[in-house]
Amino acid sequence: MEEFRKRLIHLHHCRGITSKAILALLKNDSSLQSLYQYSFTTLKSIIAGKGNQIEKIYQDLHHIPIDSLLLSYQRYQIKCITIFDQEYPNLLKQIYQPPIVLYAIGNLRLLHSPSIAIVGSRKADIYALQAIRRIIPPLVQKEFVIVSGVAKGVDTMAHKSTIECQGKTMGVLGSGFFHIYPQENIGLIENMKKDHLIISEYPPNTRPQRWHFPMRNRIISGLTKGTVIIQAEQKSGSLITAEYALQEGREVFAVPGNIYESLSQGTNKLIQQGAKLVQNGEDILEEFIY
């Protein structure tokens, strides 16, 4: 099993690799024992991708020093969790295209604790902070883990407020651990690594890219029983998280806002479309435990 895990993690580090390509290779050889014996032509026929993509994968399979990389991850206390491992969260496994590998630092028990996602605008104002301070304490009291994306605004407020309430929080990155974004949250993330949890689907040396963040949002909603949106404009990334939650049959909650404020347009629209209006943590808890 350890050799299989190492091959799978190695594959996950290859440039140009996709979940679809990994699944094709697993279908061809469920143990991945033949992975390093494939010729370029065989690899191309299995993955059915573009030549330059296959070339990068082929090169990385034979040049990435996976053993030394895994040793270095141990020094940084980075855990690699494959979709076949017991540590992999069951709720996340149920989503469309779950991550094949997760990288984690911190308290892995949080992956299996009841959790709620709280997301919203990076431009969040005092109203968002006031709402968060009404929502989070009752959730923490019932031992829900608060999940968010460590972005500016609502995400940062949610993580910090949870810590202030002596609760547990989980951050989902849109980059690898060695390239934290946004950099102003490095201190928060370092704090969260001690008693909380930081995870990413990207290998540690992956730099943040614009398209990583919408993909990251499916993990935030996928880890949790429900997602709370606090302040979102009409084209907010938070609405992508809400859409993922709806697609997976998870609960969606929204905090209403001033009809004249652009930061309320997205959340008010969600409520019009059927999201549950919430004003405090009890409004969320009654969906799960009452």
C-alpha atoms as a PDB file:
ATOM      1  CA  MET A   1       0.000   0.000   0.000  1.00  0.00           C
ATOM      2  CA  GLU A   2       2.822   2.422   0.814  1.00  0.00           C
ATOM      3  CA  GLU A   3       4.375   1.911  -2.624  1.00  0.00           C
ATOM      4  CA  PHE A   4       0.989   2.486  -4.243  1.00  0.00           C
ATOM      5  CA  ARG A   5       0.513   5.692  -2.218  1.00  0.00           C
ATOM      6  CA  LYS A   6       3.961   6.924  -3.201  1.00  0.00           C
ATOM      7  CA  ARG A   7       3.291   6.292  -6.905  1.00  0.00           C
ATOM      8  CA  LEU A   8      -0.066   8.051  -6.692  1.00  0.00           C
ATOM      9  CA  ILE A   9       1.437  11.066  -4.897  1.00  0.00           C
ATOM     10  CA  HIS A  10       4.293  11.138  -7.435  1.00  0.00           C
ATOM     11  CA  LEU A  11       1.755  11.153 -10.254  1.00  0.00           C
ATOM     12  CA  HIS A  12      -0.097  13.993  -8.541  1.00  0.00           C
ATOM     13  CA  HIS A  13       3.102  16.095  -8.633  1.00  0.00           C
ATOM     14  CA  CYS A  14       3.526  15.793 -12.397  1.00  0.00           C
ATOM     15  CA  ARG A  15       3.034  18.914 -14.498  1.00  0.00           C
ATOM     16  CA  GLY A  16      -0.062  18.726 -16.673  1.00  0.00           C
ATOM     17  CA  ILE A  17      -1.651  15.909 -14.672  1.00  0.00           C
ATOM     18  CA  THR A  18      -5.424  15.973 -14.163  1.00  0.00           C
ATOM     19  CA  SER A  19      -7.848  13.897 -12.106  1.00  0.00           C
ATOM     20  CA  LYS A  20      -9.170  12.476 -15.363  1.00  0.00           C
ATOM     21  CA  ALA A  21      -5.666  11.359 -16.381  1.00  0.00           C
ATOM     22  CA  ILE A  22      -4.999   9.787 -12.964  1.00  0.00           C
ATOM     23  CA  LEU A  23      -8.287   7.885 -13.117  1.00  0.00           C
ATOM     24  CA  ALA A  24      -7.434   6.635 -16.614  1.00  0.00           C
ATOM     25  CA  LEU A  25      -4.095   5.319 -15.347  1.00  0.00           C
ATOM     26  CA  LEU A  26      -5.783   3.667 -12.355  1.00  0.00           C
ATOM     27  CA  LYS A  27      -8.322   2.043 -14.642  1.00  0.00           C
ATOM     28  CA  ASN A  28      -5.497   0.641 -16.757  1.00  0.00           C
ATOM     29  CA  ASP A  29      -3.491  -0.543 -13.728  1.00  0.00           C
ATOM     30  CA  SER A  30      -5.189  -0.257 -10.336  1.00  0.00           C
ATOM     31  CA  SER A  31      -1.923  -0.813  -8.433  1.00  0.00           C
ATOM     32  CA  LEU A  32       0.115   1.602 -10.612  1.00  0.00           C
ATOM     33  CA  GLN A  33       2.876  -0.997 -10.606  1.00  0.00           C
ATOM     34  CA  SER A  34       3.540  -0.379 -14.307  1.00  0.00           C
ATOM     35  CA  LEU A  35       3.732   3.395 -13.944  1.00  0.00           C
ATOM     36  CA  TYR A  36       7.489   3.733 -14.410  1.00  0.00           C
ATOM     37  CA  GLN A  37       7.650   1.150 -17.191  1.00  0.00           C
ATOM     38  CA  TYR A  38       5.309   2.947 -19.583  1.00  0.00           C
ATOM     39  CA  SER A  39       6.831   4.272 -22.770  1.00  0.00           C
ATOM     40  CA  PHE A  40       5.826   7.744 -23.916  1.00  0.00           C
ATOM     41  CA  THR A  41       3.576   6.192 -26.566  1.00  0.00           C
ATOM     42  CA  THR A  42       1.832   3.906 -24.076  1.00  0.00           C
ATOM     43  CA  LEU A  43       1.333   6.757 -21.625  1.00  0.00           C
ATOM     44  CA  LYS A  44      -0.183   8.866 -24.383  1.00  0.00           C
ATOM     45  CA  SER A  45      -2.578   6.110 -25.419  1.00  0.00           C
ATOM     46  CA  ILE A  46      -3.803   5.633 -21.841  1.00  0.00           C
ATOM     47  CA  ILE A  47      -4.238   9.299 -20.966  1.00  0.00           C
ATOM     48  CA  ALA A  48      -5.347  10.420 -24.448  1.00  0.00           C
ATOM     49  CA  GLY A  49      -4.045  13.952 -23.897  1.00  0.00           C
ATOM     50  CA  LYS A  50      -2.040  16.443 -25.916  1.00  0.00           C
ATOM     51  CA  GLY A  51       1.550  15.572 -26.756  1.00  0.00           C
ATOM     52  CA  ASN A  52       3.158  18.402 -24.769  1.00  0.00           C
ATOM     53  CA  GLN A  53       1.035  17.539 -21.715  1.00  0.00           C
ATOM     54  CA  ILE A  54       2.071  13.873 -21.882  1.00  0.00           C
ATOM     55  CA  GLU A  55       5.692  14.872 -22.405  1.00  0.00           C
ATOM     56  CA  LYS A  56       5.700  16.837 -19.134  1.00  0.00           C
ATOM     57  CA  ILE A  57       4.060  13.966 -17.236  1.00  0.00           C
ATOM     58  CA  TYR A  58       6.525  11.456 -18.716  1.00  0.00           C
ATOM     59  CA  GLN A  59       9.525  13.638 -17.824  1.00  0.00           C
ATOM     60  CA  ASP A  60       8.323  14.263 -14.278  1.00  0.00           C
ATOM     61  CA  LEU A  61       7.680  10.572 -13.653  1.00  0.00           C
ATOM     62  CA  HIS A  62      11.345   9.944 -14.344  1.00  0.00           C
ATOM     63  CA  HIS A  63      12.916  13.087 -12.903  1.00  0.00           C
ATOM     64  CA  ILE A  64      10.966  14.244  -9.831  1.00  0.00           C
ATOM     65  CA  PRO A  65      12.827  12.915  -6.733  1.00  0.00           C
ATOM     66  CA  ILE A  66       9.659  11.825  -4.953  1.00  0.00           C
ATOM     67  CA  ASP A  67      11.460  10.098  -2.057  1.00  0.00           C
ATOM     68  CA  SER A  68      13.427  13.200  -1.080  1.00  0.00           C
ATOM     69  CA  LEU A  69      10.329  15.368  -1.555  1.00  0.00           C
ATOM     70  CA  LEU A  70       8.314  13.201   0.829  1.00  0.00           C
ATOM     71  CA  LEU A  71      11.128  13.347   3.378  1.00  0.00           C
ATOM     72  CA  SER A  72      11.171  17.140   3.147  1.00  0.00           C
ATOM     73  CA  TYR A  73       7.391  17.209   3.692  1.00  0.00           C
ATOM     74  CA  GLN A  74       7.872  15.277   6.918  1.00  0.00           C
ATOM     75  CA  ARG A  75      10.254  17.987   8.142  1.00  0.00           C
ATOM     76  CA  TYR A  76       7.530  20.571   7.517  1.00  0.00           C
ATOM     77  CA  GLN A  77       4.911  18.266   9.112  1.00  0.00           C
ATOM     78  CA  ILE A  78       3.013  18.066   5.823  1.00  0.00           C
ATOM     79  CA  LYS A  79       0.781  14.993   5.570  1.00  0.00           C
ATOM     80  CA  CYS A  80      -0.210  13.572   2.178  1.00  0.00           C
ATOM     81  CA  ILE A  81      -3.696  12.056   2.196  1.00  0.00           C
ATOM     82  CA  THR A  82      -4.887  10.113  -0.838  1.00  0.00           C
ATOM     83  CA  ILE A  83      -8.512   9.439  -1.650  1.00  0.00           C
ATOM     84  CA  PHE A  84      -7.882   5.793  -0.712  1.00  0.00           C
ATOM     85  CA  ASP A  85      -6.688   6.612   2.826  1.00  0.00           C
ATOM     86  CA  GLN A  86      -8.825   6.338   5.963  1.00  0.00           C
ATOM     87  CA  GLU A  87      -7.961   9.933   6.856  1.00  0.00           C
ATOM     88  CA  TYR A  88      -9.668  11.225   3.703  1.00  0.00           C
ATOM     89  CA  PRO A  89     -12.939  12.983   4.658  1.00  0.00           C
ATOM     90  CA  ASN A  90     -16.068  11.042   3.689  1.00  0.00           C
ATOM     91  CA  LEU A  91     -18.140  14.097   2.775  1.00  0.00           C
ATOM     92  CA  LEU A  92     -15.463  15.317   0.359  1.00  0.00           C
ATOM     93  CA  LYS A  93     -15.244  11.894  -1.259  1.00  0.00           C
ATOM     94  CA  GLN A  94     -18.897  12.246  -2.287  1.00  0.00           C
ATOM     95  CA  ILE A  95     -18.478  15.337  -4.478  1.00  0.00           C
ATOM     96  CA  TYR A  96     -18.024  15.430  -8.238  1.00  0.00           C
ATOM     97  CA  GLN A  97     -14.300  15.188  -9.022  1.00  0.00           C
ATOM     98  CA  PRO A  98     -12.961  15.024  -5.449  1.00  0.00           C
ATOM     99  CA  PRO A  99      -9.249  15.786  -5.040  1.00  0.00           C
ATOM    100  CA  ILE A 100      -7.134  12.665  -5.549  1.00  0.00           C
ATOM    101  CA  VAL A 101      -4.583  13.875  -2.987  1.00  0.00           C
ATOM    102  CA  LEU A 102      -4.838  16.382  -0.138  1.00  0.00           C
ATOM    103  CA  TYR A 103      -1.869  17.995   1.598  1.00  0.00           C
ATOM    104  CA  ALA A 104      -2.467  18.886   5.238  1.00  0.00           C
ATOM    105  CA  ILE A 105      -0.771  20.492   8.224  1.00  0.00           C
ATOM    106  CA  GLY A 106      -2.376  20.399  11.649  1.00  0.00           C
ATOM    107  CA  ASN A 107      -5.109  18.474  13.417  1.00  0.00           C
ATOM    108  CA  LEU A 108      -6.321  15.787  10.990  1.00  0.00           C
ATOM    109  CA  ARG A 109      -9.205  14.857  13.309  1.00  0.00           C
ATOM    110  CA  LEU A 110     -10.967  17.994  12.100  1.00  0.00           C
ATOM    111  CA  LEU A 111     -11.441  16.342   8.698  1.00  0.00           C
ATOM    112  CA  HIS A 112     -14.021  14.055  10.324  1.00  0.00           C
ATOM    113  CA  SER A 113     -15.722  16.577  12.617  1.00  0.00           C
ATOM    114  CA  PRO A 114     -19.080  18.245  11.828  1.00  0.00           C
ATOM    115  CA  SER A 115     -18.307  21.444   9.940  1.00  0.00           C
ATOM    116  CA  ILE A 116     -19.859  24.549   8.414  1.00  0.00           C
ATOM    117  CA  ALA A 117     -18.308  26.724   5.711  1.00  0.00           C
ATOM    118  CA  ILE A 118     -18.411  30.498   6.077  1.00  0.00           C
ATOM    119  CA  VAL A 119     -17.396  32.529   3.029  1.00  0.00           C
ATOM    120  CA  GLY A 120     -17.999  35.953   1.569  1.00  0.00           C
ATOM    121  CA  SER A 121     -16.540  39.064   0.033  1.00  0.00           C
ATOM    122  CA  ARG A 122     -12.892  40.069   0.248  1.00  0.00           C
ATOM    123  CA  LYS A 123     -14.222  43.638   0.619  1.00  0.00           C
ATOM    124  CA  ALA A 124     -16.232  42.748   3.731  1.00  0.00           C
ATOM    125  CA  ASP A 125     -17.050  45.560   6.147  1.00  0.00           C
ATOM    126  CA  ILE A 126     -18.077  45.921   9.786  1.00  0.00           C
ATOM    127  CA  TYR A 127     -21.524  44.484   9.034  1.00  0.00           C
ATOM    128  CA  ALA A 128     -19.906  41.173   8.007  1.00  0.00           C
ATOM    129  CA  LEU A 129     -17.859  41.095  11.213  1.00  0.00           C
ATOM    130  CA  GLN A 130     -20.954  41.772  13.315  1.00  0.00           C
ATOM    131  CA  ALA A 131     -22.810  38.959  11.533  1.00  0.00           C
ATOM    132  CA  ILE A 132     -19.889  36.565  12.042  1.00  0.00           C
ATOM    133  CA  ARG A 133     -19.850  37.359  15.759  1.00  0.00           C
ATOM    134  CA  ARG A 134     -23.534  36.392  15.969  1.00  0.00           C
ATOM    135  CA  ILE A 135     -23.134  33.232  13.898  1.00  0.00           C
ATOM    136  CA  ILE A 136     -19.921  31.579  15.057  1.00  0.00           C
ATOM    137  CA  PRO A 137     -20.236  31.301  18.893  1.00  0.00           C
ATOM    138  CA  PRO A 138     -23.294  28.981  18.870  1.00  0.00           C
ATOM    139  CA  LEU A 139     -21.637  26.793  16.209  1.00  0.00           C
ATOM    140  CA  VAL A 140     -18.419  26.571  18.219  1.00  0.00           C
ATOM    141  CA  GLN A 141     -20.422  25.707  21.334  1.00  0.00           C
ATOM    142  CA  LYS A 142     -21.835  22.696  19.453  1.00  0.00           C
ATOM    143  CA  GLU A 143     -18.297  21.777  18.299  1.00  0.00           C
ATOM    144  CA  PHE A 144     -18.749  22.564  14.609  1.00  0.00           C
ATOM    145  CA  VAL A 145     -15.484  23.218  12.773  1.00  0.00           C
ATOM    146  CA  ILE A 146     -15.567  26.476  10.795  1.00  0.00           C
ATOM    147  CA  VAL A 147     -14.177  26.045   7.273  1.00  0.00           C
ATOM    148  CA  SER A 148     -13.117  28.887   4.989  1.00  0.00           C
ATOM    149  CA  GLY A 149     -10.570  29.830   2.339  1.00  0.00           C
ATOM    150  CA  VAL A 150      -8.068  32.031   4.240  1.00  0.00           C
ATOM    151  CA  ALA A 151      -8.747  34.887   1.801  1.00  0.00           C
ATOM    152  CA  LYS A 152      -9.059  38.545   2.783  1.00  0.00           C
ATOM    153  CA  GLY A 153     -12.339  39.771   4.199  1.00  0.00           C
ATOM    154  CA  VAL A 154     -14.982  37.322   5.403  1.00  0.00           C
ATOM    155  CA  ASP A 155     -12.667  34.284   5.313  1.00  0.00           C
ATOM    156  CA  THR A 156     -10.098  35.927   7.577  1.00  0.00           C
ATOM    157  CA  MET A 157     -12.817  37.222   9.902  1.00  0.00           C
ATOM    158  CA  ALA A 158     -14.322  33.726  10.175  1.00  0.00           C
ATOM    159  CA  HIS A 159     -11.008  32.038  11.013  1.00  0.00           C
ATOM    160  CA  LYS A 160      -9.996  34.681  13.556  1.00  0.00           C
ATOM    161  CA  SER A 161     -13.412  34.818  15.224  1.00  0.00           C
ATOM    162  CA  THR A 162     -13.451  31.037  15.603  1.00  0.00           C
ATOM    163  CA  ILE A 163     -10.037  31.090  17.252  1.00  0.00           C
ATOM    164  CA  GLU A 164     -11.173  33.928  19.549  1.00  0.00           C
ATOM    165  CA  CYS A 165     -14.161  31.767  20.552  1.00  0.00           C
ATOM    166  CA  GLN A 166     -11.762  28.874  21.294  1.00  0.00           C
ATOM    167  CA  GLY A 167     -13.275  26.833  18.479  1.00  0.00           C
ATOM    168  CA  LYS A 168     -11.597  24.882  15.704  1.00  0.00           C
ATOM    169  CA  THR A 169     -11.156  26.136  12.157  1.00  0.00           C
ATOM    170  CA  MET A 170      -9.943  24.712   8.856  1.00  0.00           C
ATOM    171  CA  GLY A 171      -8.421  26.718   6.006  1.00  0.00           C
ATOM    172  CA  VAL A 172      -8.420  25.563   2.379  1.00  0.00           C
ATOM    173  CA  LEU A 173      -5.660  27.095   0.260  1.00  0.00           C
ATOM    174  CA  GLY A 174      -5.657  27.836  -3.460  1.00  0.00           C
ATOM    175  CA  SER A 175      -1.894  27.276  -3.607  1.00  0.00           C
ATOM    176  CA  GLY A 176       0.785  25.031  -2.183  1.00  0.00           C
ATOM    177  CA  PHE A 177       2.098  25.460   1.366  1.00  0.00           C
ATOM    178  CA  PHE A 178       5.357  27.014   0.181  1.00  0.00           C
ATOM    179  CA  HIS A 179       3.578  29.841  -1.669  1.00  0.00           C
ATOM    180  CA  ILE A 180       0.952  31.201   0.728  1.00  0.00           C
ATOM    181  CA  TYR A 181      -1.612  33.621  -0.665  1.00  0.00           C
ATOM    182  CA  PRO A 182      -2.469  36.213   0.508  1.00  0.00           C
ATOM    183  CA  GLN A 183       0.877  36.825   2.177  1.00  0.00           C
ATOM    184  CA  GLU A 184      -0.659  39.046   4.857  1.00  0.00           C
ATOM    185  CA  ASN A 185      -2.292  35.903   6.266  1.00  0.00           C
ATOM    186  CA  ILE A 186       0.960  34.003   6.769  1.00  0.00           C
ATOM    187  CA  GLY A 187       0.804  34.732  10.517  1.00  0.00           C
ATOM    188  CA  LEU A 188      -2.792  33.502  10.740  1.00  0.00           C
ATOM    189  CA  ILE A 189      -1.921  30.345   8.817  1.00  0.00           C
ATOM    190  CA  GLU A 190       1.101  29.639  11.021  1.00  0.00           C
ATOM    191  CA  ASN A 191      -1.185  29.935  14.046  1.00  0.00           C
ATOM    192  CA  MET A 192      -3.744  27.612  12.463  1.00  0.00           C
ATOM    193  CA  LYS A 193      -1.109  24.950  11.769  1.00  0.00           C
ATOM    194  CA  LYS A 194      -0.658  24.421  15.531  1.00  0.00           C
ATOM    195  CA  ASP A 195      -4.138  23.520  16.783  1.00  0.00           C
ATOM    196  CA  HIS A 196      -6.338  23.800  13.718  1.00  0.00           C
ATOM    197  CA  LEU A 197      -5.898  22.572  10.125  1.00  0.00           C
ATOM    198  CA  ILE A 198      -4.682  23.906   6.784  1.00  0.00           C
ATOM    199  CA  ILE A 199      -5.233  21.839   3.639  1.00  0.00           C
ATOM    200  CA  SER A 200      -4.635  22.146  -0.093  1.00  0.00           C
ATOM    201  CA  GLU A 201      -5.138  19.958  -3.124  1.00  0.00           C
ATOM    202  CA  TYR A 202      -1.992  21.468  -4.643  1.00  0.00           C
ATOM    203  CA  PRO A 203       1.512  20.076  -4.025  1.00  0.00           C
ATOM    204  CA  PRO A 204       3.465  22.322  -1.612  1.00  0.00           C
ATOM    205  CA  ASN A 205       5.590  24.038  -4.258  1.00  0.00           C
ATOM    206  CA  THR A 206       2.593  25.098  -6.401  1.00  0.00           C
ATOM    207  CA  ARG A 207       2.250  28.839  -6.932  1.00  0.00           C
ATOM    208  CA  PRO A 208      -1.247  30.357  -6.783  1.00  0.00           C
ATOM    209  CA  GLN A 209      -3.050  30.772 -10.110  1.00  0.00           C
ATOM    210  CA  ARG A 210      -6.307  32.591 -10.776  1.00  0.00           C
ATOM    211  CA  TRP A 211      -8.171  29.392 -11.713  1.00  0.00           C
ATOM    212  CA  HIS A 212      -7.124  27.613  -8.507  1.00  0.00           C
ATOM    213  CA  PHE A 213      -9.551  29.580  -6.373  1.00  0.00           C
ATOM    214  CA  PRO A 214     -12.861  28.547  -8.001  1.00  0.00           C
ATOM    215  CA  MET A 215     -11.591  24.946  -7.796  1.00  0.00           C
ATOM    216  CA  ARG A 216     -10.664  25.494  -4.151  1.00  0.00           C
ATOM    217  CA  ASN A 217     -14.257  26.559  -3.477  1.00  0.00           C
ATOM    218  CA  ARG A 218     -15.620  23.095  -4.323  1.00  0.00           C
ATOM    219  CA  ILE A 219     -13.467  21.688  -1.505  1.00  0.00           C
ATOM    220  CA  ILE A 220     -14.714  24.285   0.998  1.00  0.00           C
ATOM    221  CA  SER A 221     -18.337  23.347   0.292  1.00  0.00           C
ATOM    222  CA  GLY A 222     -17.519  19.655  -0.161  1.00  0.00           C
ATOM    223  CA  LEU A 223     -16.019  19.304   3.315  1.00  0.00           C
ATOM    224  CA  THR A 224     -19.089  20.680   5.053  1.00  0.00           C
ATOM    225  CA  LYS A 225     -22.754  20.051   5.776  1.00  0.00           C
ATOM    226  CA  GLY A 226     -23.654  23.587   4.765  1.00  0.00           C
ATOM    227  CA  THR A 227     -22.252  26.871   3.503  1.00  0.00           C
ATOM    228  CA  VAL A 228     -22.996  30.334   4.892  1.00  0.00           C
ATOM    229  CA  ILE A 229     -22.554  33.316   2.557  1.00  0.00           C
ATOM    230  CA  ILE A 230     -21.936  36.674   4.247  1.00  0.00           C
ATOM    231  CA  GLN A 231     -21.732  39.666   1.897  1.00  0.00           C
ATOM    232  CA  ALA A 232     -21.298  38.869  -1.790  1.00  0.00           C
ATOM    233  CA  GLU A 233     -21.592  40.941  -4.908  1.00  0.00           C
ATOM    234  CA  GLN A 234     -23.531  39.585  -7.877  1.00  0.00           C
ATOM    235  CA  LYS A 235     -20.400  38.093  -9.459  1.00  0.00           C
ATOM    236  CA  SER A 236     -18.660  37.032  -6.255  1.00  0.00           C
ATOM    237  CA  GLY A 237     -16.526  33.900  -5.984  1.00  0.00           C
ATOM    238  CA  SER A 238     -18.548  33.069  -2.881  1.00  0.00           C
ATOM    239  CA  LEU A 239     -21.538  32.406  -5.127  1.00  0.00           C
ATOM    240  CA  ILE A 240     -19.449  29.742  -6.872  1.00  0.00           C
ATOM    241  CA  THR A 241     -19.049  28.061  -3.474  1.00  0.00           C
ATOM    242  CA  ALA A 242     -22.818  28.282  -2.953  1.00  0.00           C
ATOM    243  CA  GLU A 243     -23.410  26.745  -6.387  1.00  0.00           C
ATOM    244  CA  TYR A 244     -21.075  23.843  -5.597  1.00  0.00           C
ATOM    245  CA  ALA A 245     -22.934  23.280  -2.307  1.00  0.00           C
ATOM    246  CA  LEU A 246     -26.290  23.214  -4.103  1.00  0.00           C
ATOM    247  CA  GLN A 247     -24.992  20.791  -6.725  1.00  0.00           C
ATOM    248  CA  GLU A 248     -23.870  18.411  -3.982  1.00  0.00           C
ATOM    249  CA  GLY A 249     -27.173  18.643  -2.097  1.00  0.00           C
ATOM    250  CA  ARG A 250     -25.680  20.553   0.832  1.00  0.00           C
ATOM    251  CA  GLU A 251     -27.422  23.343   2.748  1.00  0.00           C
ATOM    252  CA  VAL A 252     -26.917  26.957   1.666  1.00  0.00           C
ATOM    253  CA  PHE A 253     -27.450  29.836   4.098  1.00  0.00           C
ATOM    254  CA  ALA A 254     -27.214  33.561   3.441  1.00  0.00           C
ATOM    255  CA  VAL A 255     -27.109  36.647   5.649  1.00  0.00           C
ATOM    256  CA  PRO A 256     -29.412  39.360   4.255  1.00  0.00           C
ATOM    257  CA  GLY A 257     -28.098  42.859   3.697  1.00  0.00           C
ATOM    258  CA  ASN A 258     -28.954  46.409   2.768  1.00  0.00           C
ATOM    259  CA  ILE A 259     -30.715  46.466  -0.628  1.00  0.00           C
ATOM    260  CA  TYR A 260     -28.741  49.582  -1.586  1.00  0.00           C
ATOM    261  CA  GLU A 261     -25.347  47.968  -0.951  1.00  0.00           C
ATOM    262  CA  SER A 262     -23.520  46.104  -3.751  1.00  0.00           C
ATOM    263  CA  LEU A 263     -22.108  43.694  -1.157  1.00  0.00           C
ATOM    264  CA  SER A 264     -25.662  42.520  -0.428  1.00  0.00           C
ATOM    265  CA  GLN A 265     -26.757  41.871  -4.004  1.00  0.00           C
ATOM    266  CA  GLY A 266     -25.402  38.318  -4.164  1.00  0.00           C
ATOM    267  CA  THR A 267     -26.651  37.197  -0.752  1.00  0.00           C
ATOM    268  CA  ASN A 268     -30.102  38.734  -1.196  1.00  0.00           C
ATOM    269  CA  LYS A 269     -30.376  37.010  -4.577  1.00  0.00           C
ATOM    270  CA  LEU A 270     -29.489  33.667  -2.970  1.00  0.00           C
ATOM    271  CA  ILE A 271     -32.299  34.149  -0.454  1.00  0.00           C
ATOM    272  CA  GLN A 272     -34.719  34.928  -3.292  1.00  0.00           C
ATOM    273  CA  GLN A 273     -33.622  31.670  -4.935  1.00  0.00           C
ATOM    274  CA  GLY A 274     -34.263  29.588  -1.812  1.00  0.00           C
ATOM    275  CA  ALA A 275     -31.197  29.852   0.428  1.00  0.00           C
ATOM    276  CA  LYS A 276     -32.149  29.961   4.087  1.00  0.00           C
ATOM    277  CA  LEU A 277     -32.011  33.458   5.581  1.00  0.00           C
ATOM    278  CA  VAL A 278     -29.882  33.392   8.737  1.00  0.00           C
ATOM    279  CA  GLN A 279     -29.375  36.025  11.400  1.00  0.00           C
ATOM    280  CA  ASN A 280     -27.465  33.989  13.987  1.00  0.00           C
ATOM    281  CA  GLY A 281     -25.886  30.612  14.652  1.00  0.00           C
ATOM    282  CA  GLU A 282     -29.100  29.091  16.019  1.00  0.00           C
ATOM    283  CA  ASP A 283     -30.740  29.550  12.601  1.00  0.00           C
ATOM    284  CA  ILE A 284     -28.094  27.186  11.194  1.00  0.00           C
ATOM    285  CA  LEU A 285     -28.053  24.704  14.060  1.00  0.00           C
ATOM    286  CA  GLU A 286     -31.796  24.064  13.821  1.00  0.00           C
ATOM    287  CA  GLU A 287     -31.203  22.526  10.390  1.00  0.00           C
ATOM    288  CA  PHE A 288     -28.859  19.912  11.826  1.00  0.00           C
ATOM    289  CA  ILE A 289     -29.504  19.151  15.490  1.00  0.00           C
ATOM    290  CA  TYR A 290     -32.941  20.346  16.532  1.00  0.00           C
END
